[in-house]
C-alpha cells in the first residue's frame, strides 16, 4: 500500500501539516516530536540489556 511513497506524497503531507497546525506552532511541534523520539530511543536501548546503555546510577537502599 505504501510502496510508492515518494517526494510528491511527502510534500502533500507537509503542506497539510502546515495548514492544520500553522507556521507558529510547527517549531514547537517538531521539538516535541524530536524529544519524544529521543526518549523512545533511550527506552529501547535500556530494554536491550546493553550494559553501556543502562544508567550507571544504582538505587539507594535505606536500612530503616
Foldseek 3Di string as FASTA:
>chain_A
DCPPPDDVNVVVVVVVVCVVQPDVCVVVVVVVVVVVVVVVVLVVLCVVPPPVSDDPDDDDDDPD
